[in-house]
Structures are given as structure tokens and as C-alpha cells.
């Protein structure tokens, strides 16, 4: 159990434990740590904790305040509901910003309100 704010190494351990598929695909240990550190430094890192005080999800992004857009670089969750919480973080921190993420090799823009509604409905159905 983590009883403090998680460190970069805690986030790295979470990635190494739970990454499957496309999150942090092809990243080395050093690259994962660098990606997390840069996101933290640029205030573009988000995390959620579960009821046991453990990391349940992390997200790294680039925030372009000039264009009012959040570009999701990597998102990884270990539990249901964590994705909704991570999207909500950016919705609160950057209200009115567009959220884009890479899907199948190209950037796709998401309607944030619709995405949150969909995630909420999906969570209730499970």
C-alpha cells in the first residue's frame, strides 16, 4: 500500500507490472522513467489510486495551451473505472480543451463529455 503520493519509480513499477498491448509499447525502462518524469515536470501526468491506496491507472500527455488540446501519449489502467477518472482529471485541469489520442497510428479527437458519459455507462454495465 502506498500511503503517500506515488513517486516516479512507483509509476514506473506500475507500468512494468501492468503494461500489455499498446501502452508504453517498445519503451525501455529508461524511456518509461523519462516519459513519466517529463510528464510530471510539464504538469501533464495523471494518476488514480484504488481503495487500497495502490496506483490503479496513469496517463502521460502533452498539453498545448495555445491550441487548447491535450494529447494523450500513454494511458494504462489496472481496474475498471480508472479510465473515467483519468479522463476526468484532464477535464477538470483543462476545461474546454480537446482531448486527442493516437488510435491505429493516427490521432483521433474525442468529444470529452461524450467519452465520459460512455465510460460511466460502461462502468455501470460491468
Protein backbone atom coordinates (compact mmCIF):
# COMPACT_ATOMS: atom_id res chain seq x y z
CA UNK A 1 0.00 0.00 0.00
CA UNK A 2 1.23 3.49 -0.85
CA UNK A 3 0.34 5.90 1.95
CA UNK A 4 1.92 8.90 0.24
CA UNK A 5 1.81 10.50 -3.17
CA UNK A 6 3.33 8.00 -5.62
CA UNK A 7 6.84 8.62 -6.89
CA UNK A 8 8.12 8.35 -10.45
CA UNK A 9 9.55 4.95 -9.51
CA UNK A 10 6.14 3.84 -8.15
CA UNK A 11 4.60 4.83 -11.51
CA UNK A 12 7.40 3.01 -13.36
CA UNK A 13 6.78 -0.13 -11.30
CA UNK A 14 3.05 0.10 -12.13
CA UNK A 15 3.86 0.31 -15.86
CA UNK A 16 6.24 -2.63 -15.73
CA UNK A 17 3.66 -4.70 -13.82
CA UNK A 18 0.56 -3.92 -15.88
CA UNK A 19 1.58 -2.94 -19.39
CA UNK A 20 0.10 -5.10 -22.07
CA UNK A 21 -0.69 -4.20 -25.63
CA UNK A 22 -0.04 -0.64 -26.72
CA UNK A 23 0.69 1.36 -23.56
CA UNK A 24 4.39 2.29 -23.49
CA UNK A 25 4.91 -0.07 -26.42
CA UNK A 26 8.58 -0.52 -27.25
CA UNK A 27 9.75 1.68 -24.37
CA UNK A 28 12.83 0.62 -22.41
CA UNK A 29 12.99 1.01 -18.63
CA UNK A 30 14.89 4.29 -19.04
CA UNK A 31 12.40 5.60 -21.62
CA UNK A 32 9.44 4.82 -19.35
CA UNK A 33 11.03 6.71 -16.47
CA UNK A 34 11.93 9.63 -18.78
CA UNK A 35 8.37 9.78 -20.19
CA UNK A 36 6.84 9.85 -16.70
CA UNK A 37 9.38 12.40 -15.41
CA UNK A 38 8.79 14.76 -18.35
CA UNK A 39 5.01 14.49 -17.95
CA UNK A 40 5.33 15.29 -14.23
CA UNK A 41 7.60 18.26 -14.95
CA UNK A 42 5.15 19.64 -17.54
CA UNK A 43 2.12 19.03 -15.30
CA UNK A 44 0.79 16.53 -17.85
CA UNK A 45 0.89 13.39 -15.69
CA UNK A 46 -2.19 11.94 -14.08
CA UNK A 47 -2.76 9.02 -11.77
CA UNK A 48 -5.58 7.44 -9.82
CA UNK A 49 -5.41 5.26 -6.73
CA UNK A 50 -7.65 2.36 -5.80
CA UNK A 51 -9.38 1.79 -2.45
CA UNK A 52 -6.25 0.04 -1.15
CA UNK A 53 -4.00 3.03 -1.79
CA UNK A 54 -2.32 1.50 -4.83
CA UNK A 55 -1.96 3.04 -8.27
CA UNK A 56 -4.90 1.96 -10.46
CA UNK A 57 -4.02 3.98 -13.55
CA UNK A 58 -1.61 6.50 -15.02
CA UNK A 59 -1.62 8.75 -18.04
CA UNK A 60 1.09 10.81 -19.73
CA UNK A 61 0.21 13.60 -22.11
CA UNK A 62 1.32 16.80 -23.77
CA UNK A 63 -0.79 19.86 -23.04
CA UNK A 64 -0.80 22.57 -25.71
CA UNK A 65 -2.33 25.62 -24.05
CA UNK A 66 -2.09 27.68 -27.25
CA UNK A 67 -4.26 25.23 -29.20
CA UNK A 68 -6.24 24.19 -26.10
CA UNK A 69 -5.57 20.49 -26.67
CA UNK A 70 -4.46 17.57 -24.51
CA UNK A 71 -2.57 14.91 -26.50
CA UNK A 72 -2.66 11.60 -24.64
CA UNK A 73 0.63 9.78 -25.14
CA UNK A 74 0.17 6.74 -22.91
CA UNK A 75 -2.68 5.57 -20.71
CA UNK A 76 -2.63 2.41 -18.61
CA UNK A 77 -5.15 1.14 -16.08
CA UNK A 78 -5.40 -1.94 -13.89
CA UNK A 79 -9.02 -1.65 -12.83
CA UNK A 80 -12.46 -0.71 -14.09
CA UNK A 81 -13.35 2.92 -13.54
CA UNK A 82 -9.76 4.14 -13.64
CA UNK A 83 -10.03 5.28 -17.27
CA UNK A 84 -13.01 7.51 -16.44
CA UNK A 85 -11.13 9.01 -13.51
CA UNK A 86 -8.07 9.74 -15.65
CA UNK A 87 -10.12 11.46 -18.36
CA UNK A 88 -11.92 13.44 -15.64
CA UNK A 89 -8.58 14.72 -14.34
CA UNK A 90 -7.81 16.45 -17.64
CA UNK A 91 -11.39 17.62 -17.98
CA UNK A 92 -11.05 19.42 -14.63
CA UNK A 93 -7.50 20.70 -15.16
CA UNK A 94 -8.07 21.84 -18.74
CA UNK A 95 -11.78 22.68 -19.09
CA UNK A 96 -12.83 23.22 -22.68
CA UNK A 97 -9.67 21.63 -24.09
CA UNK A 98 -9.93 18.98 -26.79
CA UNK A 99 -8.58 15.54 -25.94
CA UNK A 100 -6.77 13.64 -28.68
CA UNK A 101 -5.07 10.26 -28.58
CA UNK A 102 -3.33 8.03 -31.07
CA UNK A 103 -5.53 5.19 -32.33
CA UNK A 104 -4.36 2.80 -35.03
CA UNK A 105 -1.42 5.02 -35.91
CA UNK A 106 -3.24 8.36 -36.19
CA UNK A 107 -4.52 10.99 -33.79
CA UNK A 108 -8.25 10.91 -33.05
CA UNK A 109 -10.16 13.69 -31.30
CA UNK A 110 -12.60 12.69 -28.58
CA UNK A 111 -15.71 14.53 -27.51
CA UNK A 112 -14.77 14.72 -23.81
CA UNK A 113 -18.31 14.93 -22.42
CA UNK A 114 -19.48 12.06 -24.63
CA UNK A 115 -16.40 9.98 -23.74
CA UNK A 116 -17.01 10.49 -20.01
CA UNK A 117 -20.67 9.58 -20.44
CA UNK A 118 -19.71 6.43 -22.38
CA UNK A 119 -17.15 5.42 -19.74
CA UNK A 120 -19.73 5.96 -16.99
CA UNK A 121 -22.30 3.78 -18.81
CA UNK A 122 -19.68 1.09 -19.49
CA UNK A 123 -18.66 1.09 -15.82
CA UNK A 124 -22.30 0.65 -14.70
CA UNK A 125 -22.84 -2.20 -17.17
CA UNK A 126 -19.89 -4.18 -15.76
